[in-house]
N, C-alpha and C. Protein backbone atom coordinates (compact mmCIF):
# COMPACT_ATOMS: atom_id res chain seq x y z
N MET A 1 72.74 96.37 104.43
CA MET A 1 73.17 95.36 103.64
C MET A 1 73.67 94.04 104.60
N THR A 2 73.43 92.78 104.24
CA THR A 2 74.08 91.69 104.74
C THR A 2 75.44 91.37 105.37
N PRO A 3 76.37 91.13 106.56
CA PRO A 3 77.41 90.27 106.51
C PRO A 3 78.33 90.20 105.34
N VAL A 4 77.25 89.08 104.74
CA VAL A 4 77.74 88.14 103.75
C VAL A 4 77.76 89.35 102.60
N GLY A 5 77.14 90.09 102.31
CA GLY A 5 77.08 91.20 101.24
C GLY A 5 78.24 92.22 101.14
N GLY A 6 78.61 92.54 102.72
CA GLY A 6 79.76 93.20 102.92
C GLY A 6 81.04 92.22 102.41
N VAL A 7 80.68 91.36 103.18
CA VAL A 7 82.40 90.52 102.83
C VAL A 7 82.73 90.27 101.10
N VAL A 8 81.47 89.98 100.30
CA VAL A 8 81.42 89.64 99.33
C VAL A 8 82.28 90.60 98.64
N ARG A 9 81.94 92.17 99.24
CA ARG A 9 81.87 93.72 98.25
C ARG A 9 83.04 93.83 98.69
N PHE A 10 83.96 93.11 99.95
CA PHE A 10 85.16 93.75 100.31
C PHE A 10 85.94 92.93 99.51
N VAL A 11 85.89 91.80 98.85
CA VAL A 11 86.85 90.57 98.65
C VAL A 11 86.68 91.13 97.00
N LEU A 12 85.50 91.18 96.42
CA LEU A 12 85.70 92.04 95.04
C LEU A 12 86.40 93.33 94.62
N LEU A 13 86.35 94.35 95.85
CA LEU A 13 87.17 95.22 96.09
C LEU A 13 88.54 95.02 96.19
N GLY A 14 88.80 94.01 96.78
CA GLY A 14 90.05 93.90 96.79
C GLY A 14 90.70 92.89 95.94
N ALA A 15 89.94 92.08 95.17
CA ALA A 15 90.21 91.30 93.59
C ALA A 15 90.52 92.89 92.66
N ALA A 16 89.89 93.53 92.46
CA ALA A 16 90.04 94.80 91.46
C ALA A 16 91.24 95.67 92.24
N TRP A 17 91.29 96.05 93.37
CA TRP A 17 92.56 96.85 93.67
C TRP A 17 93.77 96.02 93.35
N GLY A 18 93.75 94.87 93.49
CA GLY A 18 95.09 94.46 93.90
C GLY A 18 95.73 93.97 92.36
N SER A 19 94.43 93.55 91.58
CA SER A 19 94.41 92.83 89.99
C SER A 19 95.65 93.98 89.31
N SER A 20 95.38 95.49 90.15
CA SER A 20 95.45 96.19 88.94
C SER A 20 97.74 95.98 88.91
N PHE A 21 97.83 95.76 89.64
CA PHE A 21 99.31 95.86 89.41
C PHE A 21 99.84 94.40 89.15
N LEU A 22 99.23 93.38 88.79
CA LEU A 22 99.22 92.12 87.94
C LEU A 22 98.95 92.37 86.53
N LEU A 23 97.91 93.45 86.23
CA LEU A 23 97.99 93.74 85.27
C LEU A 23 98.62 94.81 84.59
N MET A 24 99.10 95.45 85.67
CA MET A 24 100.22 96.84 85.29
C MET A 24 101.69 95.71 84.80
N LYS A 25 101.95 94.79 85.67
CA LYS A 25 103.16 93.87 85.19
C LYS A 25 103.12 93.33 84.06
N LEU A 26 101.62 93.15 83.18
CA LEU A 26 101.68 92.24 82.04
C LEU A 26 101.47 93.24 81.10
N ALA A 27 101.01 94.43 81.16
CA ALA A 27 100.82 95.31 79.83
C ALA A 27 102.42 96.21 79.73
N VAL A 28 103.16 95.82 80.72
CA VAL A 28 104.42 96.62 80.36
C VAL A 28 105.15 95.95 80.01
N GLN A 29 104.93 94.67 79.45
CA GLN A 29 105.70 93.74 78.43
C GLN A 29 105.57 94.00 77.45
N GLY A 30 104.51 94.75 77.12
CA GLY A 30 104.36 95.27 75.31
C GLY A 30 104.35 96.76 75.01
N LEU A 31 104.14 97.28 76.65
CA LEU A 31 103.85 98.58 76.18
C LEU A 31 104.81 99.39 77.02
N SER A 32 105.24 100.52 76.87
CA SER A 32 105.89 101.73 77.84
C SER A 32 105.26 101.90 79.36
N PRO A 33 105.83 102.62 80.24
CA PRO A 33 104.98 103.09 81.51
C PRO A 33 104.07 104.25 80.76
N GLY A 34 104.88 104.64 80.30
CA GLY A 34 103.74 106.04 79.97
C GLY A 34 102.53 105.51 78.89
N GLN A 35 102.46 104.92 78.11
CA GLN A 35 101.14 104.22 76.97
C GLN A 35 100.29 103.51 78.25
N VAL A 36 101.01 102.60 79.28
CA VAL A 36 100.13 101.99 80.33
C VAL A 36 99.39 103.10 81.12
N VAL A 37 99.94 103.88 81.60
CA VAL A 37 99.65 105.10 82.53
C VAL A 37 98.52 106.02 81.69
N LEU A 38 98.79 106.48 80.55
CA LEU A 38 97.88 107.14 79.42
C LEU A 38 96.37 105.84 78.90
N GLY A 39 96.69 105.03 78.98
CA GLY A 39 95.14 104.15 78.67
C GLY A 39 94.95 103.63 79.87
N ARG A 40 95.43 103.95 81.24
CA ARG A 40 94.28 103.63 82.02
C ARG A 40 93.67 104.89 82.82
N LEU A 41 94.32 105.97 82.02
CA LEU A 41 93.74 107.52 82.59
C LEU A 41 92.63 108.00 81.62
N VAL A 42 93.06 107.28 80.19
CA VAL A 42 91.50 107.67 79.16
C VAL A 42 90.44 107.08 79.39
N LEU A 43 90.61 105.20 79.60
CA LEU A 43 89.62 104.49 79.78
C LEU A 43 88.62 104.82 81.29
N GLY A 44 89.41 105.27 82.10
CA GLY A 44 88.76 105.72 83.48
C GLY A 44 87.92 107.20 83.63
N ALA A 45 88.51 108.02 82.52
CA ALA A 45 88.45 109.31 81.98
C ALA A 45 86.67 108.76 80.95
N LEU A 46 86.94 108.14 80.31
CA LEU A 46 85.69 107.50 79.78
C LEU A 46 85.19 106.97 80.57
N ALA A 47 85.02 106.36 81.27
CA ALA A 47 83.92 105.34 82.21
C ALA A 47 83.57 106.75 83.06
N LEU A 48 84.19 107.34 83.71
CA LEU A 48 83.61 108.50 85.11
C LEU A 48 82.45 109.41 83.92
N THR A 49 83.01 109.82 82.68
CA THR A 49 82.45 110.67 82.25
C THR A 49 81.17 110.08 81.65
N LEU A 50 81.01 108.99 81.29
CA LEU A 50 80.34 108.23 80.69
C LEU A 50 78.94 108.44 82.01
N LEU A 51 79.59 107.63 82.91
CA LEU A 51 78.71 107.71 84.32
C LEU A 51 77.73 109.11 84.44
N GLN A 52 79.14 110.19 84.85
CA GLN A 52 78.32 111.39 85.12
C GLN A 52 76.98 111.78 83.92
N LEU A 53 77.60 111.38 82.62
CA LEU A 53 76.57 111.95 81.65
C LEU A 53 75.11 110.86 81.64
N VAL A 54 74.94 109.82 81.93
CA VAL A 54 73.86 109.06 82.43
C VAL A 54 72.93 109.15 83.23
N MET A 55 74.07 109.50 84.58
CA MET A 55 73.43 109.40 85.78
C MET A 55 72.84 110.63 86.04
N ARG A 56 73.39 111.92 84.88
CA ARG A 56 73.26 113.39 85.16
C ARG A 56 73.52 113.80 86.68
N ARG A 57 74.29 113.61 86.51
CA ARG A 57 75.16 114.36 87.81
C ARG A 57 75.74 115.90 87.39
N PRO A 58 76.14 116.53 88.34
CA PRO A 58 76.50 117.83 88.03
C PRO A 58 77.95 117.96 88.41
N TRP A 59 78.36 118.37 87.42
CA TRP A 59 80.22 118.70 87.21
C TRP A 59 80.07 119.77 88.30
N PRO A 60 81.73 119.65 88.91
CA PRO A 60 81.95 120.67 89.74
C PRO A 60 82.32 122.17 89.18
N ARG A 61 81.31 123.00 89.48
CA ARG A 61 81.38 124.67 89.02
C ARG A 61 82.49 125.06 89.55
N GLN A 62 83.19 124.97 90.25
CA GLN A 62 84.06 126.33 90.88
C GLN A 62 85.15 126.37 90.29
N ARG A 63 85.70 127.45 89.94
CA ARG A 63 86.85 127.26 89.08
C ARG A 63 88.13 126.98 90.00
N LYS A 64 88.02 127.31 91.12
CA LYS A 64 88.97 127.22 92.40
C LYS A 64 89.38 125.67 92.51
N LEU A 65 87.99 124.96 92.68
CA LEU A 65 87.93 123.65 92.64
C LEU A 65 88.32 122.96 91.58
N TRP A 66 88.28 123.57 90.32
CA TRP A 66 88.82 122.57 89.36
C TRP A 66 90.45 122.73 89.29
N SER A 67 91.13 123.81 90.10
CA SER A 67 92.50 124.33 90.10
C SER A 67 93.08 122.95 90.78
N HIS A 68 92.39 122.88 91.96
CA HIS A 68 92.67 121.88 92.90
C HIS A 68 93.07 120.46 92.54
N LEU A 69 91.40 120.03 91.82
CA LEU A 69 91.27 118.84 90.75
C LEU A 69 92.69 118.74 89.98
N ALA A 70 93.10 119.24 89.35
CA ALA A 70 93.97 119.57 88.73
C ALA A 70 95.01 118.78 89.49
N VAL A 71 95.76 119.74 90.04
CA VAL A 71 96.78 119.56 91.06
C VAL A 71 96.75 117.91 91.57
N THR A 72 95.35 117.51 92.59
CA THR A 72 95.38 115.96 92.65
C THR A 72 95.25 115.18 91.65
N ALA A 73 95.03 115.32 90.05
CA ALA A 73 95.41 114.81 88.85
C ALA A 73 96.46 114.39 89.17
N GLY A 74 97.22 115.39 89.02
CA GLY A 74 99.09 115.40 88.49
C GLY A 74 100.10 114.67 89.81
N VAL A 75 99.61 115.15 91.25
CA VAL A 75 100.00 114.11 91.89
C VAL A 75 99.28 112.71 92.70
N GLY A 76 98.00 112.79 92.51
CA GLY A 76 97.42 111.82 93.05
C GLY A 76 97.09 110.45 91.75
N CYS A 77 97.23 110.36 90.53
CA CYS A 77 96.53 109.82 89.21
C CYS A 77 98.18 109.61 88.27
N VAL A 78 98.52 110.51 87.77
CA VAL A 78 99.56 110.95 86.72
C VAL A 78 101.24 110.32 87.48
N LEU A 79 101.33 111.31 88.71
CA LEU A 79 102.59 110.61 89.00
C LEU A 79 102.82 109.31 89.66
N PRO A 80 101.43 109.16 90.62
CA PRO A 80 101.97 107.41 90.97
C PRO A 80 102.11 106.52 90.02
N PHE A 81 100.82 106.38 88.86
CA PHE A 81 100.58 105.47 88.13
C PHE A 81 102.02 105.30 87.69
N LEU A 82 102.38 106.33 86.98
CA LEU A 82 103.28 106.02 85.80
C LEU A 82 105.04 105.90 86.77
N LEU A 83 104.85 106.09 88.06
CA LEU A 83 105.86 105.00 89.29
C LEU A 83 105.74 103.70 89.06
N PHE A 84 104.73 103.90 89.66
CA PHE A 84 104.08 102.23 89.89
C PHE A 84 104.52 101.54 88.41
N ALA A 85 103.66 101.96 87.70
CA ALA A 85 104.50 101.28 85.88
C ALA A 85 105.80 100.90 85.77
N TRP A 86 106.39 101.96 86.35
CA TRP A 86 107.89 101.99 85.62
C TRP A 86 108.36 100.76 86.32
N ALA A 87 107.90 100.91 87.86
CA ALA A 87 108.65 100.06 89.02
C ALA A 87 107.73 98.36 88.36
N ALA A 88 106.70 98.66 87.97
CA ALA A 88 106.35 96.74 87.26
C ALA A 88 107.36 96.29 86.09
N GLU A 89 108.63 97.09 85.77
CA GLU A 89 108.91 96.72 84.52
C GLU A 89 110.61 96.18 85.26
N ARG A 90 110.89 96.58 87.13
CA ARG A 90 111.13 95.89 87.65
C ARG A 90 111.21 94.65 88.91
N ILE A 91 109.93 94.85 89.22
CA ILE A 91 110.12 94.23 90.41
C ILE A 91 108.59 93.39 90.27
N PRO A 92 108.22 92.11 91.38
CA PRO A 92 107.47 91.80 90.97
C PRO A 92 105.82 92.30 91.40
N SER A 93 104.56 92.10 90.94
CA SER A 93 103.40 92.60 90.86
C SER A 93 102.97 92.64 92.48
N GLY A 94 103.44 91.46 93.19
CA GLY A 94 103.34 91.31 94.35
C GLY A 94 103.81 92.43 95.60
N LEU A 95 105.19 92.14 95.10
CA LEU A 95 105.83 93.28 96.06
C LEU A 95 105.46 94.61 95.60
N SER A 96 105.04 95.06 94.70
CA SER A 96 104.06 96.42 94.69
C SER A 96 102.95 96.45 95.19
N SER A 97 102.22 95.36 94.92
CA SER A 97 101.26 95.42 95.87
C SER A 97 101.16 96.04 97.23
N VAL A 98 102.23 95.15 97.80
CA VAL A 98 102.60 95.14 99.74
C VAL A 98 103.35 96.42 99.94
N LEU A 99 103.82 97.05 98.74
CA LEU A 99 104.02 98.55 98.91
C LEU A 99 103.52 99.38 99.18
N ASN A 100 102.39 99.17 98.57
CA ASN A 100 101.05 99.87 98.10
C ASN A 100 100.35 99.97 99.69
N SER A 101 100.68 98.83 100.21
CA SER A 101 99.71 98.83 101.15
C SER A 101 100.22 99.98 102.46
N ALA A 102 101.42 100.93 102.41
CA ALA A 102 101.64 101.63 102.82
C ALA A 102 101.02 103.02 102.90
N THR A 103 100.14 103.06 101.77
CA THR A 103 99.43 103.96 101.98
C THR A 103 98.92 104.73 102.91
N PRO A 104 97.92 103.70 103.61
CA PRO A 104 97.52 104.95 105.16
C PRO A 104 98.63 105.37 105.94
N LEU A 105 99.76 104.80 106.07
CA LEU A 105 100.81 104.88 106.88
C LEU A 105 101.59 106.51 105.81
N ALA A 106 101.43 106.62 104.89
CA ALA A 106 101.86 107.66 104.12
C ALA A 106 101.09 109.23 104.81
N THR A 107 99.97 108.39 104.31
CA THR A 107 99.02 109.65 104.78
C THR A 107 98.79 109.95 106.24
N ALA A 108 99.01 108.95 107.10
CA ALA A 108 99.13 109.58 108.15
C ALA A 108 99.96 110.55 108.71
N ALA A 109 101.11 109.99 108.18
CA ALA A 109 102.53 110.80 108.18
C ALA A 109 102.32 112.00 107.49
N VAL A 110 102.11 112.26 106.42
CA VAL A 110 101.90 113.92 105.91
C VAL A 110 100.93 114.34 106.26
N THR A 111 99.38 113.95 107.20
CA THR A 111 98.39 114.87 107.34
C THR A 111 99.26 115.22 108.80
N ALA A 112 99.72 114.20 109.17
CA ALA A 112 100.13 114.84 110.83
C ALA A 112 101.19 115.74 111.13
N LEU A 113 102.32 115.56 109.71
CA LEU A 113 103.41 116.33 110.28
C LEU A 113 103.62 117.59 109.01
N ALA A 114 102.83 116.95 107.75
CA ALA A 114 103.64 118.15 107.00
C ALA A 114 102.21 119.46 107.02
N LEU A 115 101.25 118.89 106.71
CA LEU A 115 99.95 119.35 106.73
C LEU A 115 99.17 120.27 108.16
N ARG A 116 99.82 119.36 109.20
CA ARG A 116 99.41 119.67 110.93
C ARG A 116 97.79 119.84 111.25
N GLN A 117 97.31 118.72 110.21
CA GLN A 117 95.58 118.86 110.24
C GLN A 117 95.23 117.89 111.40
N GLU A 118 96.17 116.90 111.49
CA GLU A 118 95.60 116.13 112.86
C GLU A 118 96.45 116.27 113.87
N LYS A 119 96.18 116.23 115.02
CA LYS A 119 97.43 116.21 116.17
C LYS A 119 98.04 114.08 116.23
N VAL A 120 99.10 114.35 116.40
CA VAL A 120 99.55 112.94 116.91
C VAL A 120 99.48 112.34 118.21
N THR A 121 98.58 111.50 118.33
CA THR A 121 98.29 110.81 120.04
C THR A 121 99.29 109.34 119.60
N PRO A 122 99.59 109.55 120.64
CA PRO A 122 100.10 108.13 121.29
C PRO A 122 99.49 107.15 120.76
N ARG A 123 98.45 107.20 120.58
CA ARG A 123 97.78 106.00 119.99
C ARG A 123 97.63 105.82 118.47
N LYS A 124 97.78 106.81 117.74
CA LYS A 124 98.07 106.86 116.26
C LYS A 124 99.40 106.53 115.98
N THR A 125 100.33 107.27 116.92
CA THR A 125 101.92 106.77 117.01
C THR A 125 102.09 105.38 116.52
N VAL A 126 101.72 104.50 117.69
CA VAL A 126 101.29 103.06 117.91
C VAL A 126 100.89 102.19 116.54
N GLY A 127 99.62 103.09 116.24
CA GLY A 127 99.35 102.54 115.09
C GLY A 127 99.68 102.34 113.69
N ILE A 128 100.57 104.01 113.75
CA ILE A 128 101.51 103.78 112.45
C ILE A 128 102.59 102.94 112.41
N VAL A 129 103.16 103.13 113.54
CA VAL A 129 104.70 101.96 113.98
C VAL A 129 104.28 100.60 113.90
N ALA A 130 103.03 100.07 114.31
CA ALA A 130 102.09 98.82 114.06
C ALA A 130 102.24 98.55 112.66
N GLY A 131 101.52 99.38 111.92
CA GLY A 131 101.50 98.89 110.42
C GLY A 131 102.82 99.21 109.70
N ALA A 132 103.67 99.66 110.18
CA ALA A 132 105.08 99.88 109.27
C ALA A 132 105.65 98.40 109.75
N ALA A 133 105.51 97.94 110.83
CA ALA A 133 106.08 96.84 111.22
C ALA A 133 105.40 95.48 110.59
N GLY A 134 103.88 95.74 110.54
CA GLY A 134 103.75 94.50 109.66
C GLY A 134 104.10 94.38 107.90
N ILE A 135 104.09 95.38 107.44
CA ILE A 135 104.28 95.47 106.12
C ILE A 135 105.67 95.10 106.24
N LEU A 136 106.36 95.43 107.18
CA LEU A 136 108.12 94.99 107.19
C LEU A 136 108.35 93.22 107.34
N VAL A 137 106.93 92.73 107.88
CA VAL A 137 107.11 91.47 108.14
C VAL A 137 106.89 90.57 107.06
N VAL A 138 105.57 91.40 106.43
CA VAL A 138 105.10 90.26 104.87
C VAL A 138 106.42 90.83 103.99
N LEU A 139 106.82 91.97 103.99
CA LEU A 139 108.32 91.90 102.65
C LEU A 139 109.19 91.15 102.95
N SER A 140 109.68 90.95 104.71
CA SER A 140 110.52 89.99 104.79
C SER A 140 112.09 90.61 104.22
N PRO A 141 112.80 91.41 104.44
CA PRO A 141 113.39 92.11 103.36
C PRO A 141 114.88 91.09 103.77
N TRP A 142 114.66 90.93 104.85
CA TRP A 142 115.90 89.78 105.31
C TRP A 142 116.18 88.44 104.91
N ARG A 143 114.99 88.09 103.77
CA ARG A 143 115.20 86.85 102.84
C ARG A 143 115.86 87.13 102.08
N PHE A 144 116.21 88.07 101.65
CA PHE A 144 117.03 88.50 100.32
C PHE A 144 118.23 88.41 100.52
N TYR A 145 119.14 87.36 99.57
CA TYR A 145 120.24 87.28 99.81
C TYR A 145 120.89 88.38 98.68
N ALA A 146 122.44 88.75 98.59
CA ALA A 146 122.92 89.40 97.93
C ALA A 146 122.37 88.86 96.35
N GLY A 147 122.15 87.82 95.87
CA GLY A 147 121.94 87.25 94.58
C GLY A 147 120.48 87.48 94.31
N ASP A 148 120.31 87.54 95.24
CA ASP A 148 118.30 87.21 94.83
C ASP A 148 117.79 88.56 95.65
N ALA A 149 118.74 89.85 95.58
CA ALA A 149 117.93 91.03 95.85
C ALA A 149 117.37 91.86 94.64
N LEU A 150 116.21 92.16 95.12
CA LEU A 150 114.99 92.82 94.07
C LEU A 150 115.43 94.37 94.08
N ASP A 151 115.13 95.19 92.71
CA ASP A 151 115.61 96.03 92.44
C ASP A 151 115.17 97.24 93.07
N LEU A 152 116.17 97.95 94.02
CA LEU A 152 115.76 99.06 94.61
C LEU A 152 115.16 100.02 94.39
N TRP A 153 115.54 100.36 92.94
CA TRP A 153 115.05 101.81 92.25
C TRP A 153 113.59 101.36 91.71
N GLY A 154 112.95 99.93 91.95
CA GLY A 154 111.61 100.02 91.60
C GLY A 154 110.79 100.05 92.73
N GLN A 155 111.50 99.27 93.68
CA GLN A 155 110.83 99.72 95.01
C GLN A 155 110.35 100.92 95.86
N MET A 156 111.96 101.79 95.52
CA MET A 156 111.64 103.15 96.18
C MET A 156 110.48 103.97 95.05
N ALA A 157 110.57 103.32 93.71
CA ALA A 157 109.31 103.79 93.05
C ALA A 157 108.38 103.53 93.66
N CYS A 158 108.06 102.79 93.98
CA CYS A 158 106.89 101.93 94.62
C CYS A 158 106.68 103.21 95.65
N LEU A 159 107.68 103.37 96.61
CA LEU A 159 107.41 104.35 97.98
C LEU A 159 107.06 105.68 97.57
N ALA A 160 107.90 106.19 96.40
CA ALA A 160 107.61 107.54 95.83
C ALA A 160 105.94 107.93 95.72
N ALA A 161 105.46 106.93 94.86
CA ALA A 161 104.05 106.36 94.60
C ALA A 161 103.28 106.71 95.91
N VAL A 162 103.43 105.74 97.02
CA VAL A 162 102.54 106.02 98.09
C VAL A 162 102.61 107.14 98.88
N LEU A 163 103.86 107.72 98.81
CA LEU A 163 104.19 109.34 99.53
C LEU A 163 103.20 110.53 98.49
N CYS A 164 103.13 109.56 97.08
CA CYS A 164 102.38 111.01 96.68
C CYS A 164 100.65 110.58 96.80
N PHE A 165 100.06 109.44 97.21
CA PHE A 165 98.90 109.37 97.74
C PHE A 165 98.51 109.89 99.14
N GLY A 166 100.03 109.82 99.48
CA GLY A 166 99.76 110.29 101.25
C GLY A 166 99.12 111.72 100.90
N VAL A 167 100.27 112.37 100.19
CA VAL A 167 100.25 113.67 99.66
C VAL A 167 98.39 114.23 99.46
N VAL A 168 98.62 113.31 98.31
CA VAL A 168 97.12 113.94 98.03
C VAL A 168 95.86 113.78 98.72
N PHE A 169 95.91 112.43 99.69
CA PHE A 169 94.91 112.78 100.09
C PHE A 169 94.90 113.32 101.71
N SER A 170 95.88 113.91 102.00
CA SER A 170 95.73 115.05 102.35
C SER A 170 95.40 116.58 102.07
N TYR A 171 95.83 116.95 101.03
CA TYR A 171 95.74 117.76 99.94
C TYR A 171 93.82 117.99 99.68
N THR A 172 93.54 116.81 99.64
CA THR A 172 92.37 116.38 99.19
C THR A 172 91.40 117.03 100.42
N LYS A 173 91.50 116.52 101.29
CA LYS A 173 90.92 116.56 102.92
C LYS A 173 90.71 118.15 103.12
N LYS A 174 91.95 119.20 102.93
CA LYS A 174 92.16 120.31 103.07
C LYS A 174 91.48 121.33 101.87
N TYR A 175 91.72 120.96 100.82
CA TYR A 175 91.16 121.96 99.79
C TYR A 175 90.43 121.35 98.66
N VAL A 176 89.69 119.93 98.86
CA VAL A 176 88.79 119.54 97.77
C VAL A 176 87.64 119.41 99.02
N SER A 177 87.97 118.59 99.59
CA SER A 177 86.42 118.30 100.64
C SER A 177 85.64 119.44 101.12
N PRO A 178 86.04 120.77 101.40
CA PRO A 178 85.28 121.69 101.49
C PRO A 178 84.27 122.28 100.51
N TYR A 179 84.40 121.74 99.53
CA TYR A 179 83.46 122.33 98.07
C TYR A 179 82.44 121.18 98.45
N ALA A 180 82.40 120.33 99.24
CA ALA A 180 80.72 119.18 99.09
C ALA A 180 80.91 119.52 97.71
N ALA A 181 81.72 118.83 96.43
CA ALA A 181 81.18 118.50 95.22
C ALA A 181 80.43 117.00 95.21
N ASP A 182 79.76 116.94 93.96
CA ASP A 182 79.24 115.62 93.80
C ASP A 182 80.33 114.53 93.97
N HIS A 183 80.40 113.37 94.21
CA HIS A 183 81.43 112.30 94.78
C HIS A 183 81.73 111.49 93.29
N ILE A 184 81.15 111.21 92.53
CA ILE A 184 81.26 111.06 91.52
C ILE A 184 82.27 112.01 90.07
N GLY A 185 81.46 113.58 90.32
CA GLY A 185 82.18 114.38 89.17
C GLY A 185 83.56 114.98 89.56
N ILE A 186 84.05 114.89 90.73
CA ILE A 186 85.50 114.80 91.51
C ILE A 186 86.40 113.97 90.79
N PRO A 187 86.06 112.90 90.68
CA PRO A 187 87.04 111.73 90.17
C PRO A 187 86.62 111.82 88.68
N ALA A 188 85.76 112.33 87.91
CA ALA A 188 85.69 112.24 86.80
C ALA A 188 86.69 113.73 85.89
N VAL A 189 86.54 114.66 87.22
CA VAL A 189 87.14 115.62 86.82
C VAL A 189 88.40 115.30 86.54
N GLN A 190 88.84 114.43 87.74
CA GLN A 190 90.18 114.60 88.10
C GLN A 190 90.80 113.43 87.19
N MET A 191 90.59 112.47 86.28
CA MET A 191 90.41 111.64 85.57
C MET A 191 90.94 112.06 84.13
N VAL A 192 89.98 113.47 83.61
CA VAL A 192 89.86 113.87 82.70
C VAL A 192 91.03 114.88 82.60
N ALA A 193 91.64 116.03 84.04
CA ALA A 193 92.93 116.77 83.56
C ALA A 193 93.94 115.88 83.75
N ALA A 194 93.59 114.31 84.69
CA ALA A 194 95.22 113.68 83.92
C ALA A 194 95.42 113.18 83.08
N SER A 195 94.09 112.62 81.73
CA SER A 195 94.34 112.47 80.76
C SER A 195 94.75 113.64 79.85
């Protein structure tokens, strides 16, 4: 892949990922957060199932893997999507997007502390602190005065969603990755289970 192709893919991925917060903000103006999440999950399940069928990819066969994927569907899809949709009723979509940028930090913290899968090195600690400082600078909470304060519960919902992502990424690494199942089959099963 050329450097330009890599940049184009990166920009398209960022636009697709970032626009989800704007689309949620628009959707909750006419739908409940639960309806937004259900629509998002069903569309994802349909698209991935169709892709599985068209590409004739193998579905995961292990029963234990399906139970792990059901956990990841609940913790990594249903709960955080619902929290972000609920938050979309209360805070600007840009703020939700910035709070979502804490996902790598939550993943690193959960992986290092709760599951003890990776050793916390001084270099990783510096990276986590630098990432948190960067998010803090972008959020600039000192800009908000009492009259301009944004809904704290909406922000807490976003951070809880981010924590869900951190937990599910670590859980996936420990319990799903060892199966080496099809890379399209895994999210297809997750979306179907979440729907």
